[in-house]
Amino acid sequence: MNAKTFTVRESDIERRWFVVDATGQTLGRLATQVAHVLSGKHKPTYTQHLDTGDHVIVLNAAKVTVTSDKAENKLYIRHSGHPQGYKEESLGKLIVRRPEEVVRRAVKGMLPHNRLGAQQLRKLKIYAGNDHPHQAQRPEPLA
């Protein structure tokens, strides 16, 4: 019987590129699927403390949908730290102004909130339209 625990090494990690079309997809369900691939949980060599995930390209971020009345009621809030530095923006207005940011924030909330999560988030590429400059990586459609 072999009692040794297998741990993947950085040199053994193989990264692939996937492309996802966000047209008509619900924001939360799309973000869950993308975060799963970015963290590497779809691989048998998944390790909690290492970045074993793949690269993901999200296309048509402007065409993502939200359920219920979240477009008006969900607020993105920030504060600069200065007096009167409170800013809030609804999801509907942010989708019109910067659709890539909506998808990025949804995925970021589903990744670890530490340096590992920041490293995984750097492998996410989001585009509002249908074109992307990553043809050389030969991305596969995400099932």
N, C-alpha and C. Protein backbone atom coordinates (compact mmCIF):
# COMPACT_ATOMS: atom_id res chain seq x y z
N MET A 1 0.84 -1.19 0.00
CA MET A 1 0.00 0.00 0.00
C MET A 1 0.88 1.24 0.00
N ASN A 2 0.52 2.20 -0.83
CA ASN A 2 1.25 3.45 -0.95
C ASN A 2 0.58 4.51 -0.08
N ALA A 3 1.27 5.01 0.93
CA ALA A 3 0.70 5.97 1.87
C ALA A 3 1.16 7.39 1.58
N LYS A 4 1.76 7.63 0.40
CA LYS A 4 2.25 8.96 0.09
C LYS A 4 1.15 9.81 -0.53
N THR A 5 1.17 11.07 -0.21
CA THR A 5 0.21 12.01 -0.75
C THR A 5 0.80 12.69 -1.98
N PHE A 6 0.03 12.72 -3.05
CA PHE A 6 0.49 13.35 -4.29
C PHE A 6 0.24 14.85 -4.21
N THR A 7 1.25 15.64 -4.50
CA THR A 7 1.12 17.09 -4.59
C THR A 7 1.66 17.52 -5.94
N VAL A 8 0.87 18.27 -6.66
CA VAL A 8 1.27 18.73 -7.98
C VAL A 8 2.36 19.80 -7.83
N ARG A 9 3.32 19.77 -8.74
CA ARG A 9 4.38 20.78 -8.76
C ARG A 9 4.03 21.86 -9.77
N GLU A 10 4.65 23.00 -9.62
CA GLU A 10 4.40 24.11 -10.54
C GLU A 10 4.76 23.73 -11.97
N SER A 11 5.78 22.90 -12.14
CA SER A 11 6.19 22.50 -13.48
C SER A 11 5.23 21.49 -14.11
N ASP A 12 4.42 20.82 -13.30
CA ASP A 12 3.49 19.81 -13.82
C ASP A 12 2.14 20.40 -14.24
N ILE A 13 1.90 21.65 -13.93
CA ILE A 13 0.60 22.26 -14.22
C ILE A 13 0.53 22.62 -15.71
N GLU A 14 -0.49 22.13 -16.38
CA GLU A 14 -0.73 22.44 -17.79
C GLU A 14 -1.93 23.38 -17.88
N ARG A 15 -1.72 24.53 -18.48
CA ARG A 15 -2.79 25.51 -18.59
C ARG A 15 -3.38 25.50 -20.00
N ARG A 16 -4.70 25.51 -20.06
CA ARG A 16 -5.40 25.57 -21.34
C ARG A 16 -6.19 26.88 -21.39
N TRP A 17 -6.67 27.21 -22.56
CA TRP A 17 -7.46 28.42 -22.76
C TRP A 17 -8.88 28.02 -23.15
N PHE A 18 -9.86 28.64 -22.50
CA PHE A 18 -11.26 28.40 -22.80
C PHE A 18 -11.93 29.72 -23.16
N VAL A 19 -12.95 29.64 -24.00
CA VAL A 19 -13.72 30.82 -24.38
C VAL A 19 -15.19 30.56 -24.04
N VAL A 20 -15.84 31.59 -23.48
CA VAL A 20 -17.24 31.50 -23.08
C VAL A 20 -18.00 32.66 -23.72
N ASP A 21 -19.15 32.35 -24.31
CA ASP A 21 -20.01 33.40 -24.86
C ASP A 21 -21.08 33.72 -23.83
N ALA A 22 -21.11 34.94 -23.36
CA ALA A 22 -22.03 35.34 -22.28
C ALA A 22 -23.39 35.77 -22.79
N THR A 23 -23.65 35.66 -24.08
CA THR A 23 -24.91 36.12 -24.64
C THR A 23 -26.08 35.36 -24.02
N GLY A 24 -26.98 36.07 -23.36
CA GLY A 24 -28.17 35.47 -22.79
C GLY A 24 -27.96 34.67 -21.53
N GLN A 25 -26.74 34.57 -21.03
CA GLN A 25 -26.49 33.80 -19.81
C GLN A 25 -26.73 34.67 -18.58
N THR A 26 -27.17 34.04 -17.50
CA THR A 26 -27.38 34.74 -16.24
C THR A 26 -26.03 35.06 -15.62
N LEU A 27 -25.89 36.24 -15.07
CA LEU A 27 -24.60 36.72 -14.56
C LEU A 27 -24.02 35.80 -13.49
N GLY A 28 -24.79 35.43 -12.50
CA GLY A 28 -24.29 34.60 -11.41
C GLY A 28 -23.89 33.20 -11.85
N ARG A 29 -24.69 32.61 -12.71
CA ARG A 29 -24.38 31.25 -13.19
C ARG A 29 -23.13 31.25 -14.07
N LEU A 30 -22.99 32.28 -14.87
CA LEU A 30 -21.78 32.42 -15.69
C LEU A 30 -20.55 32.60 -14.81
N ALA A 31 -20.66 33.47 -13.79
CA ALA A 31 -19.53 33.73 -12.90
C ALA A 31 -19.12 32.48 -12.12
N THR A 32 -20.08 31.67 -11.72
CA THR A 32 -19.77 30.44 -11.01
C THR A 32 -18.99 29.48 -11.89
N GLN A 33 -19.42 29.34 -13.13
CA GLN A 33 -18.76 28.46 -14.08
C GLN A 33 -17.34 28.93 -14.37
N VAL A 34 -17.16 30.22 -14.55
CA VAL A 34 -15.84 30.78 -14.86
C VAL A 34 -14.91 30.65 -13.65
N ALA A 35 -15.40 30.95 -12.45
CA ALA A 35 -14.58 30.86 -11.24
C ALA A 35 -14.13 29.42 -10.98
N HIS A 36 -14.98 28.46 -11.31
CA HIS A 36 -14.64 27.04 -11.15
C HIS A 36 -13.44 26.68 -12.01
N VAL A 37 -13.42 27.16 -13.25
CA VAL A 37 -12.32 26.86 -14.17
C VAL A 37 -11.06 27.64 -13.79
N LEU A 38 -11.22 28.91 -13.39
CA LEU A 38 -10.06 29.72 -13.02
C LEU A 38 -9.32 29.14 -11.80
N SER A 39 -10.07 28.57 -10.86
CA SER A 39 -9.44 28.03 -9.66
C SER A 39 -8.89 26.62 -9.89
N GLY A 40 -9.26 25.97 -10.98
CA GLY A 40 -8.72 24.65 -11.30
C GLY A 40 -9.49 23.50 -10.69
N LYS A 41 -10.69 23.74 -10.20
CA LYS A 41 -11.46 22.68 -9.53
C LYS A 41 -11.99 21.64 -10.50
N HIS A 42 -11.89 21.90 -11.79
CA HIS A 42 -12.36 20.94 -12.79
C HIS A 42 -11.28 19.91 -13.12
N LYS A 43 -10.09 20.04 -12.53
CA LYS A 43 -8.97 19.14 -12.83
C LYS A 43 -8.77 18.14 -11.69
N PRO A 44 -8.32 16.95 -12.02
CA PRO A 44 -8.03 15.98 -10.95
C PRO A 44 -6.80 16.36 -10.13
N THR A 45 -5.98 17.27 -10.63
CA THR A 45 -4.78 17.68 -9.91
C THR A 45 -5.02 18.95 -9.09
N TYR A 46 -6.28 19.27 -8.77
CA TYR A 46 -6.60 20.49 -8.04
C TYR A 46 -5.91 20.47 -6.68
N THR A 47 -5.26 21.59 -6.37
CA THR A 47 -4.61 21.77 -5.08
C THR A 47 -5.06 23.12 -4.54
N GLN A 48 -5.47 23.14 -3.26
CA GLN A 48 -6.04 24.35 -2.68
C GLN A 48 -5.09 25.53 -2.66
N HIS A 49 -3.83 25.28 -2.37
CA HIS A 49 -2.90 26.37 -2.14
C HIS A 49 -2.09 26.75 -3.38
N LEU A 50 -2.35 26.10 -4.52
CA LEU A 50 -1.65 26.44 -5.77
C LEU A 50 -2.66 26.86 -6.83
N ASP A 51 -2.18 27.65 -7.76
CA ASP A 51 -3.01 28.10 -8.87
C ASP A 51 -2.89 27.07 -9.99
N THR A 52 -3.84 26.13 -10.04
CA THR A 52 -3.82 25.08 -11.06
C THR A 52 -4.84 25.34 -12.16
N GLY A 53 -5.48 26.50 -12.15
CA GLY A 53 -6.57 26.79 -13.07
C GLY A 53 -6.12 27.14 -14.47
N ASP A 54 -7.10 27.31 -15.34
CA ASP A 54 -6.88 27.62 -16.74
C ASP A 54 -7.28 29.07 -17.03
N HIS A 55 -6.93 29.52 -18.23
CA HIS A 55 -7.30 30.86 -18.69
C HIS A 55 -8.71 30.82 -19.26
N VAL A 56 -9.47 31.89 -19.04
CA VAL A 56 -10.84 31.97 -19.55
C VAL A 56 -11.03 33.31 -20.24
N ILE A 57 -11.62 33.26 -21.44
CA ILE A 57 -11.97 34.46 -22.19
C ILE A 57 -13.50 34.55 -22.22
N VAL A 58 -14.05 35.66 -21.76
CA VAL A 58 -15.49 35.87 -21.77
C VAL A 58 -15.81 36.88 -22.86
N LEU A 59 -16.66 36.49 -23.80
CA LEU A 59 -17.06 37.36 -24.90
C LEU A 59 -18.49 37.84 -24.69
N ASN A 60 -18.84 38.95 -25.31
CA ASN A 60 -20.19 39.52 -25.26
C ASN A 60 -20.67 39.78 -23.84
N ALA A 61 -19.81 40.37 -23.02
CA ALA A 61 -20.17 40.67 -21.64
C ALA A 61 -21.32 41.67 -21.56
N ALA A 62 -21.50 42.47 -22.59
CA ALA A 62 -22.59 43.45 -22.59
C ALA A 62 -23.95 42.78 -22.75
N LYS A 63 -23.99 41.53 -23.18
CA LYS A 63 -25.25 40.84 -23.42
C LYS A 63 -25.62 39.88 -22.31
N VAL A 64 -24.98 40.00 -21.15
CA VAL A 64 -25.30 39.13 -20.01
C VAL A 64 -26.64 39.58 -19.42
N THR A 65 -27.40 38.65 -18.86
CA THR A 65 -28.70 38.99 -18.30
C THR A 65 -28.68 38.83 -16.79
N VAL A 66 -29.62 39.52 -16.15
CA VAL A 66 -29.81 39.38 -14.71
C VAL A 66 -31.29 39.10 -14.47
N THR A 67 -31.59 38.38 -13.41
CA THR A 67 -32.96 38.01 -13.12
C THR A 67 -33.61 39.05 -12.21
N SER A 68 -34.90 39.00 -12.11
CA SER A 68 -35.69 39.84 -11.23
C SER A 68 -35.44 41.31 -11.54
N ASP A 69 -35.41 42.15 -10.53
CA ASP A 69 -35.19 43.58 -10.74
C ASP A 69 -33.81 44.01 -10.24
N LYS A 70 -32.83 43.12 -10.41
CA LYS A 70 -31.48 43.42 -9.94
C LYS A 70 -30.85 44.56 -10.73
N ALA A 71 -31.25 44.77 -11.95
CA ALA A 71 -30.67 45.84 -12.76
C ALA A 71 -30.87 47.20 -12.10
N GLU A 72 -31.98 47.38 -11.39
CA GLU A 72 -32.23 48.65 -10.71
C GLU A 72 -31.84 48.62 -9.24
N ASN A 73 -32.03 47.47 -8.57
CA ASN A 73 -31.87 47.43 -7.12
C ASN A 73 -30.47 47.05 -6.65
N LYS A 74 -29.70 46.30 -7.44
CA LYS A 74 -28.36 45.93 -7.00
C LYS A 74 -27.44 47.13 -7.18
N LEU A 75 -26.75 47.51 -6.12
CA LEU A 75 -25.88 48.68 -6.14
C LEU A 75 -24.43 48.28 -5.94
N TYR A 76 -23.56 48.92 -6.68
CA TYR A 76 -22.12 48.81 -6.49
C TYR A 76 -21.68 50.09 -5.78
N ILE A 77 -21.15 49.96 -4.57
CA ILE A 77 -20.85 51.10 -3.71
C ILE A 77 -19.36 51.18 -3.48
N ARG A 78 -18.83 52.42 -3.48
CA ARG A 78 -17.44 52.64 -3.14
C ARG A 78 -17.33 53.96 -2.40
N HIS A 79 -16.25 54.13 -1.66
CA HIS A 79 -16.01 55.36 -0.93
C HIS A 79 -14.53 55.70 -1.03
N SER A 80 -14.23 56.92 -1.39
CA SER A 80 -12.85 57.34 -1.60
C SER A 80 -12.12 57.60 -0.29
N GLY A 81 -12.86 57.77 0.81
CA GLY A 81 -12.24 58.10 2.08
C GLY A 81 -12.29 59.58 2.37
N HIS A 82 -12.64 60.38 1.39
CA HIS A 82 -12.74 61.82 1.57
C HIS A 82 -14.19 62.20 1.91
N PRO A 83 -14.40 63.35 2.49
CA PRO A 83 -15.78 63.80 2.72
C PRO A 83 -16.54 63.89 1.40
N GLN A 84 -17.75 63.45 1.41
CA GLN A 84 -18.61 63.37 0.23
C GLN A 84 -18.01 62.48 -0.86
N GLY A 85 -17.24 61.46 -0.45
CA GLY A 85 -16.62 60.57 -1.41
C GLY A 85 -17.41 59.30 -1.66
N TYR A 86 -18.66 59.26 -1.22
CA TYR A 86 -19.52 58.09 -1.38
C TYR A 86 -20.09 58.07 -2.80
N LYS A 87 -19.90 56.95 -3.50
CA LYS A 87 -20.43 56.80 -4.85
C LYS A 87 -21.19 55.48 -4.93
N GLU A 88 -22.32 55.50 -5.57
CA GLU A 88 -23.06 54.27 -5.81
C GLU A 88 -23.59 54.28 -7.23
N GLU A 89 -23.66 53.08 -7.80
CA GLU A 89 -24.10 52.94 -9.19
C GLU A 89 -24.89 51.65 -9.29
N SER A 90 -26.00 51.67 -9.99
CA SER A 90 -26.82 50.48 -10.12
C SER A 90 -26.19 49.53 -11.15
N LEU A 91 -26.58 48.27 -11.06
CA LEU A 91 -26.07 47.25 -11.98
C LEU A 91 -26.42 47.58 -13.42
N GLY A 92 -27.63 48.09 -13.66
CA GLY A 92 -28.04 48.42 -15.02
C GLY A 92 -27.19 49.51 -15.64
N LYS A 93 -26.85 50.54 -14.85
CA LYS A 93 -26.02 51.62 -15.37
C LYS A 93 -24.58 51.15 -15.60
N LEU A 94 -24.08 50.27 -14.72
CA LEU A 94 -22.71 49.78 -14.87
C LEU A 94 -22.60 48.85 -16.08
N ILE A 95 -23.64 48.09 -16.39
CA ILE A 95 -23.61 47.23 -17.58
C ILE A 95 -23.53 48.08 -18.84
N VAL A 96 -24.23 49.20 -18.85
CA VAL A 96 -24.19 50.09 -20.01
C VAL A 96 -22.82 50.76 -20.12
N ARG A 97 -22.27 51.21 -18.98
CA ARG A 97 -21.02 51.98 -19.00
C ARG A 97 -19.80 51.08 -19.16
N ARG A 98 -19.69 50.01 -18.35
CA ARG A 98 -18.52 49.12 -18.38
C ARG A 98 -18.98 47.68 -18.15
N PRO A 99 -19.45 46.97 -19.17
CA PRO A 99 -19.96 45.61 -18.98
C PRO A 99 -18.88 44.62 -18.52
N GLU A 100 -17.63 44.87 -18.87
CA GLU A 100 -16.55 43.97 -18.46
C GLU A 100 -16.39 43.98 -16.94
N GLU A 101 -16.60 45.15 -16.34
CA GLU A 101 -16.43 45.30 -14.89
C GLU A 101 -17.49 44.52 -14.12
N VAL A 102 -18.70 44.42 -14.65
CA VAL A 102 -19.76 43.67 -13.98
C VAL A 102 -19.38 42.20 -13.87
N VAL A 103 -18.91 41.62 -14.96
CA VAL A 103 -18.52 40.20 -14.96
C VAL A 103 -17.29 40.00 -14.09
N ARG A 104 -16.33 40.91 -14.16
CA ARG A 104 -15.11 40.78 -13.37
C ARG A 104 -15.41 40.80 -11.87
N ARG A 105 -16.29 41.70 -11.44
CA ARG A 105 -16.63 41.78 -10.02
C ARG A 105 -17.38 40.55 -9.55
N ALA A 106 -18.26 40.01 -10.39
CA ALA A 106 -19.01 38.81 -10.02
C ALA A 106 -18.07 37.61 -9.85
N VAL A 107 -17.10 37.47 -10.76
CA VAL A 107 -16.15 36.35 -10.67
C VAL A 107 -15.20 36.56 -9.49
N LYS A 108 -14.76 37.79 -9.28
CA LYS A 108 -13.82 38.09 -8.19
C LYS A 108 -14.41 37.72 -6.84
N GLY A 109 -15.71 37.93 -6.67
CA GLY A 109 -16.36 37.59 -5.41
C GLY A 109 -16.42 36.10 -5.14
N MET A 110 -16.23 35.28 -6.17
CA MET A 110 -16.29 33.83 -6.02
C MET A 110 -14.92 33.18 -5.93
N LEU A 111 -13.87 33.97 -5.99
CA LEU A 111 -12.51 33.46 -5.85
C LEU A 111 -12.00 33.75 -4.45
N PRO A 112 -10.91 33.11 -4.02
CA PRO A 112 -10.35 33.40 -2.69
C PRO A 112 -9.96 34.87 -2.56
N HIS A 113 -10.15 35.43 -1.38
CA HIS A 113 -9.85 36.84 -1.14
C HIS A 113 -8.44 36.98 -0.56
N ASN A 114 -7.46 36.58 -1.35
CA ASN A 114 -6.05 36.67 -0.95
C ASN A 114 -5.20 36.76 -2.21
N ARG A 115 -3.88 36.58 -2.07
CA ARG A 115 -2.99 36.68 -3.23
C ARG A 115 -3.27 35.61 -4.27
N LEU A 116 -3.70 34.44 -3.82
CA LEU A 116 -4.01 33.36 -4.76
C LEU A 116 -5.20 33.75 -5.64
N GLY A 117 -6.23 34.34 -5.04
CA GLY A 117 -7.39 34.79 -5.81
C GLY A 117 -7.02 35.87 -6.81
N ALA A 118 -6.12 36.77 -6.43
CA ALA A 118 -5.68 37.82 -7.35
C ALA A 118 -4.92 37.21 -8.52
N GLN A 119 -4.12 36.19 -8.24
CA GLN A 119 -3.37 35.50 -9.30
C GLN A 119 -4.32 34.78 -10.24
N GLN A 120 -5.36 34.16 -9.70
CA GLN A 120 -6.34 33.47 -10.54
C GLN A 120 -7.15 34.46 -11.37
N LEU A 121 -7.46 35.62 -10.82
CA LEU A 121 -8.25 36.61 -11.54
C LEU A 121 -7.49 37.19 -12.72
N ARG A 122 -6.17 37.20 -12.66
CA ARG A 122 -5.38 37.72 -13.78
C ARG A 122 -5.48 36.84 -15.02
N LYS A 123 -5.96 35.60 -14.87
CA LYS A 123 -6.11 34.70 -16.02
C LYS A 123 -7.47 34.88 -16.70
N LEU A 124 -8.26 35.83 -16.24
CA LEU A 124 -9.58 36.11 -16.81
C LEU A 124 -9.49 37.28 -17.78
N LYS A 125 -9.94 37.08 -19.01
CA LYS A 125 -9.97 38.13 -20.03
C LYS A 125 -11.43 38.34 -20.43
N ILE A 126 -11.90 39.58 -20.33
CA ILE A 126 -13.32 39.87 -20.59
C ILE A 126 -13.41 40.93 -21.69
N TYR A 127 -14.32 40.71 -22.64
CA TYR A 127 -14.52 41.64 -23.75
C TYR A 127 -16.01 41.87 -23.93
N ALA A 128 -16.39 43.13 -24.16
CA ALA A 128 -17.80 43.48 -24.32
C ALA A 128 -18.36 42.97 -25.64
N GLY A 129 -17.51 42.87 -26.65
CA GLY A 129 -17.96 42.43 -27.97
C GLY A 129 -17.60 40.98 -28.25
N ASN A 130 -17.59 40.66 -29.53
CA ASN A 130 -17.36 39.28 -29.97
C ASN A 130 -15.92 39.02 -30.38
N ASP A 131 -15.08 40.05 -30.46
CA ASP A 131 -13.70 39.89 -30.91
C ASP A 131 -12.75 39.84 -29.73
N HIS A 132 -11.66 39.05 -29.87
CA HIS A 132 -10.63 39.00 -28.85
C HIS A 132 -9.27 38.76 -29.51
N PRO A 133 -8.18 39.25 -28.91
CA PRO A 133 -6.85 39.12 -29.52
C PRO A 133 -6.10 37.86 -29.11
N HIS A 134 -6.81 36.82 -28.67
CA HIS A 134 -6.15 35.62 -28.16
C HIS A 134 -6.30 34.42 -29.09
N GLN A 135 -6.35 34.67 -30.40
CA GLN A 135 -6.50 33.57 -31.36
C GLN A 135 -5.27 32.66 -31.36
N ALA A 136 -4.09 33.19 -31.07
CA ALA A 136 -2.87 32.40 -31.10
C ALA A 136 -2.86 31.32 -30.03
N GLN A 137 -3.62 31.51 -28.95
CA GLN A 137 -3.68 30.50 -27.87
C GLN A 137 -4.66 29.37 -28.20
N ARG A 138 -5.37 29.48 -29.30
CA ARG A 138 -6.35 28.48 -29.73
C ARG A 138 -7.31 28.08 -28.61
N PRO A 139 -8.15 29.02 -28.15
CA PRO A 139 -9.07 28.69 -27.05
C PRO A 139 -10.15 27.72 -27.49
N GLU A 140 -10.54 26.86 -26.56
CA GLU A 140 -11.62 25.89 -26.80
C GLU A 140 -12.89 26.40 -26.15
N PRO A 141 -14.06 26.08 -26.70
CA PRO A 141 -15.30 26.47 -26.04
C PRO A 141 -15.47 25.72 -24.72
N LEU A 142 -15.92 26.43 -23.71
CA LEU A 142 -16.12 25.83 -22.40
C LEU A 142 -17.45 25.10 -22.38
N ALA A 143 -17.43 23.83 -22.01
CA ALA A 143 -18.66 23.02 -22.03
C ALA A 143 -19.56 23.37 -20.88
